[in-house]
């Protein structure tokens, strides 16, 4: 046998998790775990033969003894990979901890309250992307309005979605159109995590 020939120890076959014989070349079942490379190199060391009988190599590298070189295709793939990784890192850094959506309850206009006030009923959906619970407080920021949550306080559970219902109550004097634009601040503690926009339906003030 010449230097580097297989010694038929079958160690590469024994350690393969998919049971293939890598001596027959790469096969569909190969999962690239490289266990066969380690086993072969170990046996070559034991018998005093050079390593690398099993290795990652191209057809030209084996047949024509061509050395590995960085081709334009490798450069292009590397550039695309760097761009994709950069985009993923950017999205992770800039993503919001909480996403919220507010919609008026369908099929309802407005309700008259005491003290000459008008209310609208809304649904809110919360998506918490963090690993801790976030108690949520809603504040109308562009008008003198009251927010009244129906039922329990709003709580965005960690890595989950939550739904809630609440009233926005406006003094009638604040209403100057059939549809009034509102800006709702979504707060967790003292930190504002998002600003939402919605509309308020009501009668025109006298």
Protein backbone atom coordinates (compact mmCIF):
# COMPACT_ATOMS: atom_id res chain seq x y z
CA UNK A 1 0.00 0.00 0.00
CA UNK A 2 1.15 3.57 -0.64
CA UNK A 3 1.37 6.28 1.98
CA UNK A 4 -2.13 7.51 2.87
CA UNK A 5 -4.04 4.45 1.66
CA UNK A 6 -7.04 3.18 3.67
CA UNK A 7 -6.07 0.39 6.09
CA UNK A 8 -9.60 -1.07 6.16
CA UNK A 9 -10.04 -0.51 9.89
CA UNK A 10 -13.75 0.38 9.34
CA UNK A 11 -13.62 2.93 12.16
CA UNK A 12 -15.15 5.58 9.88
CA UNK A 13 -18.11 3.26 9.24
CA UNK A 14 -18.53 2.34 12.92
CA UNK A 15 -18.68 5.96 14.16
CA UNK A 16 -21.05 7.19 11.43
CA UNK A 17 -24.47 8.02 13.00
CA UNK A 18 -26.25 7.29 9.71
CA UNK A 19 -24.36 4.03 8.97
CA UNK A 20 -22.89 5.01 5.59
CA UNK A 21 -19.47 4.03 4.25
CA UNK A 22 -17.74 7.33 3.49
CA UNK A 23 -15.10 5.44 1.48
CA UNK A 24 -17.69 5.22 -1.29
CA UNK A 25 -17.89 9.01 -1.44
CA UNK A 26 -20.36 11.53 -0.05
CA UNK A 27 -23.92 10.28 0.12
CA UNK A 28 -27.36 11.79 0.69
CA UNK A 29 -27.54 10.42 4.25
CA UNK A 30 -24.34 12.23 5.31
CA UNK A 31 -25.04 14.89 7.97
CA UNK A 32 -21.51 16.38 7.89
CA UNK A 33 -20.83 15.57 11.53
CA UNK A 34 -17.13 14.87 10.67
CA UNK A 35 -17.00 11.91 13.09
CA UNK A 36 -15.44 9.83 10.31
CA UNK A 37 -12.67 12.42 9.82
CA UNK A 38 -11.76 12.32 13.51
CA UNK A 39 -11.81 8.51 13.59
CA UNK A 40 -9.67 8.21 10.45
CA UNK A 41 -7.12 10.79 11.62
CA UNK A 42 -6.84 8.96 14.95
CA UNK A 43 -6.13 5.65 13.24
CA UNK A 44 -3.61 7.25 10.86
CA UNK A 45 -1.76 8.66 13.87
CA UNK A 46 -1.71 5.21 15.49
CA UNK A 47 -0.19 3.50 12.43
CA UNK A 48 2.15 6.36 11.53
CA UNK A 49 0.44 7.38 8.28
CA UNK A 50 -0.38 10.95 7.22
CA UNK A 51 -3.72 12.45 8.15
CA UNK A 52 -6.30 13.76 5.71
CA UNK A 53 -7.43 10.57 3.99
CA UNK A 54 -10.99 11.70 4.73
CA UNK A 55 -11.38 15.45 4.38
CA UNK A 56 -13.42 18.20 2.80
CA UNK A 57 -12.08 18.63 -0.74
CA UNK A 58 -13.36 19.46 -4.21
CA UNK A 59 -13.12 17.14 -7.21
CA UNK A 60 -10.45 19.35 -8.78
CA UNK A 61 -8.53 19.39 -5.50
CA UNK A 62 -8.35 15.59 -5.53
CA UNK A 63 -7.95 14.87 -9.26
CA UNK A 64 -5.87 17.88 -10.38
CA UNK A 65 -4.15 18.69 -7.06
CA UNK A 66 -5.49 22.24 -7.27
CA UNK A 67 -5.19 24.21 -4.05
CA UNK A 68 -8.19 25.92 -2.48
CA UNK A 69 -8.75 29.46 -3.76
CA UNK A 70 -11.35 32.12 -3.10
CA UNK A 71 -13.42 32.36 -6.27
CA UNK A 72 -15.81 35.17 -7.29
CA UNK A 73 -18.70 32.87 -6.40
CA UNK A 74 -17.40 32.40 -2.84
CA UNK A 75 -16.95 36.17 -2.53
CA UNK A 76 -20.51 36.77 -3.74
CA UNK A 77 -22.00 34.19 -1.35
CA UNK A 78 -19.96 35.62 1.52
CA UNK A 79 -21.19 39.13 0.76
CA UNK A 80 -24.82 37.95 0.69
CA UNK A 81 -24.31 36.09 3.99
CA UNK A 82 -22.80 39.19 5.64
CA UNK A 83 -25.71 41.32 4.43
CA UNK A 84 -28.27 38.82 5.75
CA UNK A 85 -26.54 38.60 9.13
CA UNK A 86 -26.34 42.39 9.29
CA UNK A 87 -30.06 42.67 8.53
CA UNK A 88 -30.91 40.11 11.24
CA UNK A 89 -28.75 41.91 13.82
CA UNK A 90 -30.34 45.25 12.89
CA UNK A 91 -33.85 43.83 13.27
CA UNK A 92 -33.01 42.30 16.65
CA UNK A 93 -31.49 45.54 17.95
CA UNK A 94 -34.29 47.80 16.72
CA UNK A 95 -37.27 45.58 17.42
CA UNK A 96 -39.85 46.76 19.93
CA UNK A 97 -40.28 44.96 23.24
CA UNK A 98 -44.06 45.28 22.88
CA UNK A 99 -46.43 45.49 19.93
CA UNK A 100 -49.94 46.79 20.52
CA UNK A 101 -53.00 47.18 18.31
CA UNK A 102 -56.14 49.15 19.24
CA UNK A 103 -59.47 48.88 17.41
CA UNK A 104 -62.90 50.28 18.17
CA UNK A 105 -65.46 47.59 19.01
CA UNK A 106 -67.46 46.98 15.86
CA UNK A 107 -71.18 47.66 15.68
CA UNK A 108 -71.12 50.39 18.35
CA UNK A 109 -71.11 54.16 17.94
CA UNK A 110 -70.79 55.99 21.25
CA UNK A 111 -72.31 55.92 24.72
CA UNK A 112 -73.54 58.87 26.76
CA UNK A 113 -72.11 59.03 30.27
CA UNK A 114 -72.83 61.18 33.31
CA UNK A 115 -71.59 64.76 33.60
CA UNK A 116 -72.04 65.41 29.88
CA UNK A 117 -69.37 62.93 28.80
CA UNK A 118 -69.17 60.55 25.84
CA UNK A 119 -67.44 57.17 25.74
CA UNK A 120 -66.24 54.73 23.07
CA UNK A 121 -65.38 51.07 23.64
CA UNK A 122 -62.09 49.64 22.32
CA UNK A 123 -60.24 46.36 22.11
CA UNK A 124 -56.47 46.13 22.54
CA UNK A 125 -54.15 43.29 21.57
CA UNK A 126 -50.68 43.10 23.15
CA UNK A 127 -47.68 41.06 22.03
CA UNK A 128 -44.89 40.90 24.60
CA UNK A 129 -41.53 39.87 23.10
CA UNK A 130 -39.58 40.03 26.36
CA UNK A 131 -39.06 37.38 29.05
CA UNK A 132 -40.82 39.30 31.82
CA UNK A 133 -44.42 40.38 32.41
CA UNK A 134 -45.27 43.99 31.62
CA UNK A 135 -48.14 45.79 33.40
CA UNK A 136 -49.67 48.20 30.91
CA UNK A 137 -51.20 51.65 31.44
CA UNK A 138 -52.94 53.58 28.65
CA UNK A 139 -53.04 57.37 28.45
CA UNK A 140 -54.69 59.63 25.86
CA UNK A 141 -52.01 62.19 25.10
CA UNK A 142 -53.59 64.75 22.81
CA UNK A 143 -56.88 65.37 24.63
CA UNK A 144 -58.20 65.56 28.18
CA UNK A 145 -59.66 62.05 28.25
CA UNK A 146 -60.14 59.26 30.76
CA UNK A 147 -59.21 55.63 30.08
CA UNK A 148 -61.22 53.02 31.96
CA UNK A 149 -60.18 49.37 31.62
CA UNK A 150 -62.92 46.74 31.67
CA UNK A 151 -62.15 43.96 34.15
CA UNK A 152 -58.61 43.32 35.32
CA UNK A 153 -55.65 45.62 34.77
CA UNK A 154 -53.88 45.16 31.45
CA UNK A 155 -50.94 42.76 31.70
CA UNK A 156 -48.71 41.69 28.80
CA UNK A 157 -47.53 38.20 29.73
CA UNK A 158 -43.93 37.35 28.82
CA UNK A 159 -43.46 35.93 25.32
CA UNK A 160 -47.20 35.79 24.78
CA UNK A 161 -50.22 37.73 23.58
CA UNK A 162 -52.88 39.36 25.71
CA UNK A 163 -56.21 40.99 24.95
CA UNK A 164 -58.16 43.65 26.80
CA UNK A 165 -61.14 45.98 26.54
CA UNK A 166 -61.35 49.57 27.70
CA UNK A 167 -63.42 52.74 27.46
CA UNK A 168 -62.13 56.14 26.45
CA UNK A 169 -64.30 58.85 28.00
CA UNK A 170 -64.24 62.40 26.63
CA UNK A 171 -66.02 65.55 27.85
CA UNK A 172 -68.51 66.56 25.18
CA UNK A 173 -66.83 69.96 24.85
CA UNK A 174 -63.67 68.22 23.52
CA UNK A 175 -65.59 66.78 20.57
CA UNK A 176 -65.60 69.05 17.52
CA UNK A 177 -66.21 66.45 14.80
CA UNK A 178 -67.99 63.18 14.23
CA UNK A 179 -64.60 61.46 14.24
CA UNK A 180 -61.87 62.74 16.55
CA UNK A 181 -58.31 61.51 16.17
CA UNK A 182 -56.69 60.22 19.37
CA UNK A 183 -53.12 59.41 20.29
CA UNK A 184 -52.80 56.75 22.98
CA UNK A 185 -49.55 56.26 24.87
CA UNK A 186 -48.83 52.70 25.98
CA UNK A 187 -46.78 52.75 29.19
CA UNK A 188 -45.09 50.05 31.23
CA UNK A 189 -44.14 51.67 34.51
CA UNK A 190 -42.66 55.09 33.68
CA UNK A 191 -41.50 54.01 30.22
CA UNK A 192 -43.57 54.66 27.12
CA UNK A 193 -43.20 51.65 24.86
CA UNK A 194 -45.48 52.67 22.00
CA UNK A 195 -47.84 55.36 20.71
CA UNK A 196 -51.06 54.25 19.02
CA UNK A 197 -53.50 56.18 16.88
CA UNK A 198 -57.23 55.60 16.75
CA UNK A 199 -60.47 57.52 16.24
CA UNK A 200 -63.24 58.52 18.62
CA UNK A 201 -66.86 58.67 17.44
CA UNK A 202 -69.22 61.15 19.03
CA UNK A 203 -71.86 63.83 18.53
CA UNK A 204 -70.83 67.38 17.70
CA UNK A 205 -70.62 69.57 20.78
CA UNK A 206 -73.18 72.40 20.99
